[in-house]
Protein backbone atom coordinates (compact mmCIF):
# COMPACT_ATOMS: atom_id res chain seq x y z
CA MET A 1 81.71 37.94 112.77
CA LYS A 2 80.00 41.24 113.30
CA LYS A 3 76.41 41.58 112.41
CA ILE A 4 75.75 43.93 109.56
CA PHE A 5 72.15 44.52 110.52
CA ASN A 6 72.70 45.37 114.13
CA LYS A 7 70.39 47.95 115.74
CA LYS A 8 72.58 50.93 114.99
CA ASN A 9 73.14 49.99 111.37
CA ARG A 10 69.40 49.34 110.86
CA ILE A 11 68.64 52.94 111.77
CA PHE A 12 71.19 54.27 109.34
CA ILE A 13 69.91 52.04 106.56
CA PHE A 14 66.32 53.03 107.27
CA LEU A 15 67.23 56.75 107.23
CA PHE A 16 69.14 56.33 103.97
CA LEU A 17 66.18 54.60 102.35
CA VAL A 18 63.78 57.30 103.53
CA ILE A 19 66.03 60.13 102.26
CA PHE A 20 66.66 58.35 99.00
CA SER A 21 63.00 57.71 98.39
CA LEU A 22 62.08 61.33 99.21
CA PHE A 23 64.76 62.60 96.80
CA PHE A 24 63.61 60.13 94.17
CA LEU A 25 59.97 61.18 94.52
CA LYS A 26 60.83 64.84 94.44
CA THR A 27 62.95 64.70 91.29
CA LEU A 28 60.71 62.35 89.33
CA GLY A 29 57.47 63.74 90.71
CA LYS A 30 58.04 67.20 89.22
CA LYS A 31 55.82 68.07 86.35
CA THR A 32 57.30 70.17 83.64
CA LYS A 33 55.62 73.51 83.31
CA THR A 34 55.16 74.95 79.88
CA GLU A 35 55.31 78.66 79.78
CA VAL A 36 53.17 80.45 77.29
CA ILE A 37 54.36 83.86 76.29
CA VAL A 38 51.54 86.08 75.20
CA LEU A 39 52.78 89.05 73.16
CA PRO A 40 50.81 92.24 73.32
CA THR A 41 48.93 93.07 70.20
CA PRO A 42 48.98 96.66 68.98
CA THR A 43 45.74 98.56 68.93
CA ILE A 44 45.14 101.40 66.62
CA THR A 45 43.27 104.30 68.12
CA PRO A 46 42.16 106.95 65.67
CA TYR A 47 42.79 110.54 66.72
CA LEU A 48 40.16 112.97 65.59
CA LYS A 49 41.87 115.95 67.27
CA PRO A 50 45.57 116.86 67.25
CA THR A 51 47.56 115.17 69.97
CA VAL A 52 49.04 117.14 72.81
CA ILE A 53 52.52 116.82 71.27
CA GLU A 54 51.24 118.21 67.95
CA LYS A 55 49.66 121.16 69.78
CA GLN A 56 52.86 121.86 71.68
CA GLU A 57 54.91 121.76 68.52
CA LYS A 58 52.55 124.24 66.79
CA GLU A 59 52.57 126.58 69.79
CA GLY A 60 56.34 126.29 70.23
CA THR A 61 56.12 124.84 73.71
CA GLY A 62 57.13 121.26 72.87
CA THR A 63 60.13 119.36 74.23
CA SER A 64 62.34 119.95 71.22
CA ASN A 65 61.73 123.69 71.45
CA PHE A 66 62.35 123.59 75.20
CA TYR A 67 65.87 122.28 74.71
CA GLU A 68 66.53 124.73 71.89
CA LYS A 69 65.51 127.62 74.18
CA LYS A 70 67.53 126.30 77.13
CA ARG A 71 70.67 125.53 75.16
CA PRO A 72 72.20 129.04 75.34
CA GLU A 73 71.64 129.16 79.13
CA ILE A 74 73.11 125.69 79.54
CA LEU A 75 76.20 126.57 77.50
CA THR A 76 76.67 129.76 79.51
CA ASN A 77 76.76 127.90 82.77
CA TYR A 78 78.30 124.68 81.41
CA PRO A 79 80.50 125.51 78.40
CA LEU A 80 81.85 121.94 78.26
CA PHE A 81 78.37 120.41 78.42
CA ASP A 82 78.71 118.57 75.13
CA PHE A 83 82.04 116.99 76.13
CA ILE A 84 81.57 116.14 79.82
CA PRO A 85 81.76 113.68 81.53
CA TYR A 86 85.17 112.88 80.02
CA LYS A 87 87.44 110.04 81.14
CA THR A 88 90.95 108.95 80.18
CA GLU A 89 93.47 106.65 81.82
CA ASN A 90 95.03 109.61 83.60
CA TYR A 91 91.96 111.58 84.74
CA SER A 92 88.19 112.08 84.62
CA ILE A 93 86.31 115.34 84.44
CA ASP A 94 82.78 116.23 85.33
CA TYR A 95 80.73 119.24 86.41
CA LEU A 96 79.75 119.64 90.04
CA ASP A 97 77.92 122.98 89.62
CA PRO A 98 77.89 125.74 86.99
CA LEU A 99 81.46 126.62 86.07
CA ILE A 100 82.89 124.22 88.69
CA LEU A 101 84.76 121.23 87.37
CA GLU A 102 85.88 118.19 89.36
CA VAL A 103 88.99 116.44 88.12
CA VAL A 104 89.80 113.05 89.62
CA PHE A 105 93.14 111.39 88.88
CA PRO A 106 95.13 108.57 90.46
CA LYS A 107 98.38 110.54 90.72
CA ASP A 108 98.58 114.31 91.10
CA THR A 109 101.40 115.34 88.79
CA PRO A 110 102.03 118.64 87.06
CA GLU A 111 101.95 116.81 83.74
CA THR A 112 98.43 115.46 84.37
CA ARG A 113 97.20 118.88 85.47
CA GLN A 114 98.61 120.41 82.32
CA GLU A 115 97.02 117.66 80.23
CA VAL A 116 93.64 118.56 81.75
CA LEU A 117 94.12 122.27 81.13
CA ASP A 118 95.19 121.55 77.54
CA TRP A 119 92.08 119.42 76.95
CA ILE A 120 89.84 122.23 78.27
CA SER A 121 91.56 124.70 76.04
CA SER A 122 91.24 122.36 72.98
CA LYS A 123 87.47 122.59 73.36
CA GLY A 124 87.60 126.39 72.99
CA VAL A 125 87.11 127.15 76.70
CA ASP A 126 89.45 129.19 78.84
CA PRO A 127 90.39 127.05 81.89
CA LYS A 128 90.43 130.21 84.02
CA SER A 129 86.68 130.61 83.47
CA HIS A 130 86.10 127.58 85.66
CA THR A 131 86.85 126.71 89.27
CA ILE A 132 88.68 123.39 89.13
CA ILE A 133 88.60 121.05 92.07
CA TRP A 134 91.50 118.53 91.91
CA LYS A 135 90.94 115.25 93.62
CA THR A 136 92.86 111.99 94.08
CA PRO A 137 90.94 108.94 95.21
C-alpha cells in the first residue's frame, strides 16, 4: 500500500493549507468600510451691487444678446444651422465649413442623392447654394 503522507504529498498538503489559511484570513479579516456622503450645503451670499451678468444684460453685451446679434451671420453662412446635423437610415448631413455640406451614406444611389436634395429644399434652402461633398464610408 502506498503511503499517503510521503514526502511529495506532504509538500502539497502543506502548500494547500498555507494558501487556504491565507485566503481565509484575507476574506474574513476584511473590515467593512462605511462610506459617509457629505452633501454640500448652500451658502447665501448677499449681493450689494449688480452682478456681472445683470450689468451685461443692461448694457446689451450679455450672452443672450450675443447670440441674437450673431444669429443673422450664422444663418447667412449656415442656412441649415437649426436642422443640422441630420441623420436617417439612408444618409447623414453635417456642415464642414460655411456653405459646405458633407453627406455620408452607405450606398451611393441617385435616389438617395435626390432624397438629400429634396430634404434641403424642404427646409427652404436652395441646394445649389451649397457645395455638397458626397461620401461613402
